[in-house]
Each structure stands twice: as structure tokens, then as C-alpha cells.
Amino acid sequence: MRKLIVLPAAVLAAALLSTAVSAQPAADAAGAPPAHAWHHHRHGGELFHELKALNLSEQQKASVKQILQSSHAQNKAQFQSFFAARQAYESATPGSAEFQTAAANLSQAASAAAAARVQQGAEVRTQVYALLTDAQKAQWATLQAQRQARIAAWKAQHPQAQ
């Protein structure tokens, strides 16, 4: 009787596991994840929300899109290098000399990628800000002040998160 329960449970578990593994997005040849994996982490998160509220003209929207595409293209090699270092780290055997080297390389690549991301983000914000009219710049300042107020209110309600 026990075999009748264990066997179907094992088959079901194997089927679910194989489905979960096949559902994982595949990396490309350079080791970078699929483009959609970066979707929510690139191009400034809150910047998009603020820009949507500014009622940009079609010309401004096209210019912003051009700036973001250029930014992405400039940093693509940097992030591919990071993902390659990450893949080398993940595939190395813990405790081996290869693992230690991969960990050091990943640390350096992550540091360089973070620095590049901050610098590029600042450059993008500067370029986008230059496209705005004076009224839009004033509205943007108001939106940023409101955002800072929401953050302060959240921090006041969640002191343990600080």
C-alpha cells in the first residue's frame, strides 16, 4: 500500500521539478541573462514615474528614449563582463583555488558594474533634465519632494527597517 503512494508522489515531484527547471530563462552565450531579466533594474525606476507625470512632448519622449538606448548600449559590455564573472563563480567548486579566483574576479566586476551604473544613472538624469522646460523642472522638483516625504513617512512608520 505504501508503494502505491510513494511512487506517484515521486513521479509528480520529478515532473514539477523538470517543469520548474525548464521554465528558467536561459542565459546567452556571453553568460548574460535574457534582456527581460534586466527590465526592472535598468533605466532609473523612479525616473520613469516622474517623467510620466511631466506630460512630455513627443519630441521629448523620443529624446529620452534615445538617451536610455545610448546608455544601455554603453554599459552593455560592462554588465556582460559582470555576468560572465558571476557565471564563473557559480560554476567553480567551493574551496578550490579556481573558486577563490572567481570570487575575487566577481567582487571586482560587481564593484565596477555598480560604479558604472551610478555614473551612467547620473549622466542620464542630467541629460533628461536638460530636455525639460522650466515648468517641467519645477514640477519635477515638486515630485521629488513628494517622494522624499513619502519615504520619510514610511521610515517613521517602520523604524525597525532603518
C-alpha atoms as a PDB file:
ATOM      1  CA  MET A   1       0.000   0.000   0.000  1.00  0.00           C
ATOM      2  CA  ARG A   2       2.825   2.365   0.875  1.00  0.00           C
ATOM      3  CA  LYS A   3       4.494   1.810  -2.524  1.00  0.00           C
ATOM      4  CA  LEU A   4       1.278   2.921  -4.216  1.00  0.00           C
ATOM      5  CA  ILE A   5       1.514   6.320  -2.513  1.00  0.00           C
ATOM      6  CA  VAL A   6       5.279   6.864  -2.758  1.00  0.00           C
ATOM      7  CA  LEU A   7       5.638   6.067  -6.457  1.00  0.00           C
ATOM      8  CA  PRO A   8       3.012   8.576  -7.743  1.00  0.00           C
ATOM      9  CA  ALA A   9       4.359  11.214  -5.327  1.00  0.00           C
ATOM     10  CA  ALA A  10       7.901  10.716  -6.659  1.00  0.00           C
ATOM     11  CA  VAL A  11       6.715  10.915 -10.269  1.00  0.00           C
ATOM     12  CA  LEU A  12       4.745  14.081  -9.508  1.00  0.00           C
ATOM     13  CA  ALA A  13       7.740  15.662  -7.752  1.00  0.00           C
ATOM     14  CA  ALA A  14      10.020  14.818 -10.687  1.00  0.00           C
ATOM     15  CA  ALA A  15       7.533  16.294 -13.154  1.00  0.00           C
ATOM     16  CA  LEU A  16       7.216  19.508 -11.150  1.00  0.00           C
ATOM     17  CA  LEU A  17      10.978  19.814 -10.801  1.00  0.00           C
ATOM     18  CA  SER A  18      11.583  19.321 -14.517  1.00  0.00           C
ATOM     19  CA  THR A  19       8.915  21.923 -15.300  1.00  0.00           C
ATOM     20  CA  ALA A  20      10.497  24.417 -12.911  1.00  0.00           C
ATOM     21  CA  VAL A  21      13.960  23.879 -14.373  1.00  0.00           C
ATOM     22  CA  SER A  22      12.759  24.210 -17.965  1.00  0.00           C
ATOM     23  CA  ALA A  23      10.882  27.414 -17.061  1.00  0.00           C
ATOM     24  CA  GLN A  24      14.125  29.145 -16.044  1.00  0.00           C
ATOM     25  CA  PRO A  25      15.257  31.712 -18.639  1.00  0.00           C
ATOM     26  CA  ALA A  26      18.411  30.684 -20.455  1.00  0.00           C
ATOM     27  CA  ALA A  27      21.494  32.865 -20.491  1.00  0.00           C
ATOM     28  CA  ASP A  28      23.033  33.856 -23.782  1.00  0.00           C
ATOM     29  CA  ALA A  29      26.480  32.777 -24.975  1.00  0.00           C
ATOM     30  CA  ALA A  30      28.178  35.617 -23.063  1.00  0.00           C
ATOM     31  CA  GLY A  31      26.549  34.490 -19.821  1.00  0.00           C
ATOM     32  CA  ALA A  32      24.177  37.448 -19.585  1.00  0.00           C
ATOM     33  CA  PRO A  33      20.584  36.740 -18.590  1.00  0.00           C
ATOM     34  CA  PRO A  34      17.794  37.376 -21.081  1.00  0.00           C
ATOM     35  CA  ALA A  35      17.024  41.033 -21.740  1.00  0.00           C
ATOM     36  CA  HIS A  36      13.751  40.912 -19.818  1.00  0.00           C
ATOM     37  CA  ALA A  37      15.632  39.948 -16.661  1.00  0.00           C
ATOM     38  CA  TRP A  38      17.099  43.454 -16.529  1.00  0.00           C
ATOM     39  CA  HIS A  39      13.783  45.125 -17.224  1.00  0.00           C
ATOM     40  CA  HIS A  40      13.014  46.384 -13.739  1.00  0.00           C
ATOM     41  CA  HIS A  41      16.581  47.151 -12.770  1.00  0.00           C
ATOM     42  CA  ARG A  42      17.670  49.377 -15.570  1.00  0.00           C
ATOM     43  CA  HIS A  43      16.979  52.894 -16.660  1.00  0.00           C
ATOM     44  CA  GLY A  44      16.110  54.521 -13.432  1.00  0.00           C
ATOM     45  CA  GLY A  45      12.878  53.160 -11.835  1.00  0.00           C
ATOM     46  CA  GLU A  46      11.564  56.305 -10.155  1.00  0.00           C
ATOM     47  CA  LEU A  47      12.797  58.420 -13.072  1.00  0.00           C
ATOM     48  CA  PHE A  48      10.158  56.828 -15.312  1.00  0.00           C
ATOM     49  CA  HIS A  49       7.384  57.502 -12.827  1.00  0.00           C
ATOM     50  CA  GLU A  50       8.408  61.134 -12.519  1.00  0.00           C
ATOM     51  CA  LEU A  51       8.723  61.595 -16.272  1.00  0.00           C
ATOM     52  CA  LYS A  52       5.262  60.133 -16.888  1.00  0.00           C
ATOM     53  CA  ALA A  53       3.801  62.798 -14.612  1.00  0.00           C
ATOM     54  CA  LEU A  54       5.547  65.610 -16.530  1.00  0.00           C
ATOM     55  CA  ASN A  55       3.484  65.220 -19.734  1.00  0.00           C
ATOM     56  CA  LEU A  56       6.480  65.186 -22.038  1.00  0.00           C
ATOM     57  CA  SER A  57       6.032  66.193 -25.663  1.00  0.00           C
ATOM     58  CA  GLU A  58       6.520  63.563 -28.347  1.00  0.00           C
ATOM     59  CA  GLN A  59       9.894  65.095 -29.191  1.00  0.00           C
ATOM     60  CA  GLN A  60      10.960  64.930 -25.529  1.00  0.00           C
ATOM     61  CA  LYS A  61       9.819  61.301 -25.278  1.00  0.00           C
ATOM     62  CA  ALA A  62      11.834  60.416 -28.375  1.00  0.00           C
ATOM     63  CA  SER A  63      14.901  62.177 -26.946  1.00  0.00           C
ATOM     64  CA  VAL A  64      14.553  60.372 -23.612  1.00  0.00           C
ATOM     65  CA  LYS A  65      14.234  57.058 -25.414  1.00  0.00           C
ATOM     66  CA  GLN A  66      17.388  57.841 -27.396  1.00  0.00           C
ATOM     67  CA  ILE A  67      19.273  58.736 -24.193  1.00  0.00           C
ATOM     68  CA  LEU A  68      18.215  55.497 -22.496  1.00  0.00           C
ATOM     69  CA  GLN A  69      19.114  53.348 -25.501  1.00  0.00           C
ATOM     70  CA  SER A  70      22.516  55.004 -25.737  1.00  0.00           C
ATOM     71  CA  SER A  71      23.092  54.487 -22.015  1.00  0.00           C
ATOM     72  CA  HIS A  72      22.181  50.824 -22.268  1.00  0.00           C
ATOM     73  CA  ALA A  73      24.496  50.308 -25.242  1.00  0.00           C
ATOM     74  CA  GLN A  74      27.407  52.000 -23.443  1.00  0.00           C
ATOM     75  CA  ASN A  75      27.083  49.800 -20.369  1.00  0.00           C
ATOM     76  CA  LYS A  76      26.280  46.516 -22.114  1.00  0.00           C
ATOM     77  CA  ALA A  77      29.901  45.293 -22.225  1.00  0.00           C
ATOM     78  CA  GLN A  78      30.407  46.184 -18.557  1.00  0.00           C
ATOM     79  CA  PHE A  79      27.400  44.167 -17.476  1.00  0.00           C
ATOM     80  CA  GLN A  80      28.227  41.238 -19.740  1.00  0.00           C
ATOM     81  CA  SER A  81      31.621  41.121 -18.043  1.00  0.00           C
ATOM     82  CA  PHE A  82      29.869  41.087 -14.666  1.00  0.00           C
ATOM     83  CA  PHE A  83      27.545  38.251 -15.669  1.00  0.00           C
ATOM     84  CA  ALA A  84      30.453  36.235 -17.077  1.00  0.00           C
ATOM     85  CA  ALA A  85      32.294  36.646 -13.758  1.00  0.00           C
ATOM     86  CA  ARG A  86      29.126  35.634 -11.937  1.00  0.00           C
ATOM     87  CA  GLN A  87      28.769  32.517 -14.073  1.00  0.00           C
ATOM     88  CA  ALA A  88      32.432  31.566 -13.453  1.00  0.00           C
ATOM     89  CA  TYR A  89      31.857  31.969  -9.710  1.00  0.00           C
ATOM     90  CA  GLU A  90      28.684  29.888  -9.759  1.00  0.00           C
ATOM     91  CA  SER A  91      30.326  27.073 -11.729  1.00  0.00           C
ATOM     92  CA  ALA A  92      33.511  26.864  -9.617  1.00  0.00           C
ATOM     93  CA  THR A  93      33.852  24.284  -6.844  1.00  0.00           C
ATOM     94  CA  PRO A  94      33.780  25.954  -3.394  1.00  0.00           C
ATOM     95  CA  GLY A  95      37.111  25.720  -1.603  1.00  0.00           C
ATOM     96  CA  SER A  96      39.193  25.364  -4.763  1.00  0.00           C
ATOM     97  CA  ALA A  97      41.766  27.881  -5.984  1.00  0.00           C
ATOM     98  CA  GLU A  98      39.527  28.459  -9.011  1.00  0.00           C
ATOM     99  CA  PHE A  99      36.675  29.372  -6.665  1.00  0.00           C
ATOM    100  CA  GLN A 100      38.805  31.902  -4.778  1.00  0.00           C
ATOM    101  CA  THR A 101      39.945  33.488  -8.041  1.00  0.00           C
ATOM    102  CA  ALA A 102      36.374  33.566  -9.357  1.00  0.00           C
ATOM    103  CA  ALA A 103      35.164  35.157  -6.112  1.00  0.00           C
ATOM    104  CA  ALA A 104      37.829  37.880  -6.339  1.00  0.00           C
ATOM    105  CA  ASN A 105      37.008  38.488 -10.016  1.00  0.00           C
ATOM    106  CA  LEU A 106      33.288  38.655  -9.245  1.00  0.00           C
ATOM    107  CA  SER A 107      33.915  41.130  -6.450  1.00  0.00           C
ATOM    108  CA  GLN A 108      35.884  43.405  -8.770  1.00  0.00           C
ATOM    109  CA  ALA A 109      33.338  43.049 -11.577  1.00  0.00           C
ATOM    110  CA  ALA A 110      30.438  43.805  -9.216  1.00  0.00           C
ATOM    111  CA  SER A 111      32.221  46.874  -7.894  1.00  0.00           C
ATOM    112  CA  ALA A 112      32.961  48.148 -11.400  1.00  0.00           C
ATOM    113  CA  ALA A 113      29.387  47.448 -12.535  1.00  0.00           C
ATOM    114  CA  ALA A 114      27.934  49.292  -9.537  1.00  0.00           C
ATOM    115  CA  ALA A 115      30.176  52.291 -10.132  1.00  0.00           C
ATOM    116  CA  ALA A 116      29.282  52.323 -13.838  1.00  0.00           C
ATOM    117  CA  ARG A 117      25.568  52.063 -13.011  1.00  0.00           C
ATOM    118  CA  VAL A 118      25.710  55.049 -10.651  1.00  0.00           C
ATOM    119  CA  GLN A 119      27.759  57.171 -13.070  1.00  0.00           C
ATOM    120  CA  GLN A 120      25.553  56.306 -16.015  1.00  0.00           C
ATOM    121  CA  GLY A 121      22.410  56.981 -13.982  1.00  0.00           C
ATOM    122  CA  ALA A 122      23.716  60.425 -13.067  1.00  0.00           C
ATOM    123  CA  GLU A 123      24.552  61.124 -16.698  1.00  0.00           C
ATOM    124  CA  VAL A 124      21.106  60.009 -17.851  1.00  0.00           C
ATOM    125  CA  ARG A 125      19.364  62.176 -15.252  1.00  0.00           C
ATOM    126  CA  THR A 126      21.481  65.164 -16.283  1.00  0.00           C
ATOM    127  CA  GLN A 127      20.693  64.678 -19.969  1.00  0.00           C
ATOM    128  CA  VAL A 128      16.980  64.181 -19.332  1.00  0.00           C
ATOM    129  CA  TYR A 129      16.839  67.200 -17.029  1.00  0.00           C
ATOM    130  CA  ALA A 130      18.372  69.331 -19.782  1.00  0.00           C
ATOM    131  CA  LEU A 131      15.457  68.392 -22.077  1.00  0.00           C
ATOM    132  CA  LEU A 132      12.791  69.707 -19.692  1.00  0.00           C
ATOM    133  CA  THR A 133      11.105  73.072 -19.847  1.00  0.00           C
ATOM    134  CA  ASP A 134      11.286  75.369 -16.810  1.00  0.00           C
ATOM    135  CA  ALA A 135       7.730  74.400 -15.811  1.00  0.00           C
ATOM    136  CA  GLN A 136       8.587  70.697 -16.064  1.00  0.00           C
ATOM    137  CA  LYS A 137      11.747  71.234 -13.990  1.00  0.00           C
ATOM    138  CA  ALA A 138       9.671  72.894 -11.269  1.00  0.00           C
ATOM    139  CA  GLN A 139       7.109  70.081 -11.402  1.00  0.00           C
ATOM    140  CA  TRP A 140       9.926  67.505 -11.215  1.00  0.00           C
ATOM    141  CA  ALA A 141      11.305  69.211  -8.116  1.00  0.00           C
ATOM    142  CA  THR A 142       7.837  69.026  -6.558  1.00  0.00           C
ATOM    143  CA  LEU A 143       7.527  65.327  -7.429  1.00  0.00           C
ATOM    144  CA  GLN A 144      10.917  64.602  -5.898  1.00  0.00           C
ATOM    145  CA  ALA A 145       9.971  66.477  -2.725  1.00  0.00           C
ATOM    146  CA  GLN A 146       6.739  64.470  -2.513  1.00  0.00           C
ATOM    147  CA  ARG A 147       8.702  61.252  -2.987  1.00  0.00           C
ATOM    148  CA  GLN A 148      11.109  62.209  -0.206  1.00  0.00           C
ATOM    149  CA  ALA A 149       8.135  62.975   2.055  1.00  0.00           C
ATOM    150  CA  ARG A 150       6.626  59.533   1.324  1.00  0.00           C
ATOM    151  CA  ILE A 151       9.962  57.900   2.128  1.00  0.00           C
ATOM    152  CA  ALA A 152      10.241  59.829   5.399  1.00  0.00           C
ATOM    153  CA  ALA A 153       6.665  58.882   6.332  1.00  0.00           C
ATOM    154  CA  TRP A 154       7.362  55.226   5.594  1.00  0.00           C
ATOM    155  CA  LYS A 155      10.541  55.314   7.672  1.00  0.00           C
ATOM    156  CA  ALA A 156       8.603  56.898  10.546  1.00  0.00           C
ATOM    157  CA  GLN A 157       6.086  54.043  10.401  1.00  0.00           C
ATOM    158  CA  HIS A 158       8.784  51.364  10.089  1.00  0.00           C
ATOM    159  CA  PRO A 159      11.626  52.316  12.456  1.00  0.00           C
ATOM    160  CA  GLN A 160      12.889  48.702  12.569  1.00  0.00           C
ATOM    161  CA  ALA A 161      13.748  48.867   8.847  1.00  0.00           C
ATOM    162  CA  GLN A 162      16.385  51.554   9.370  1.00  0.00           C
END
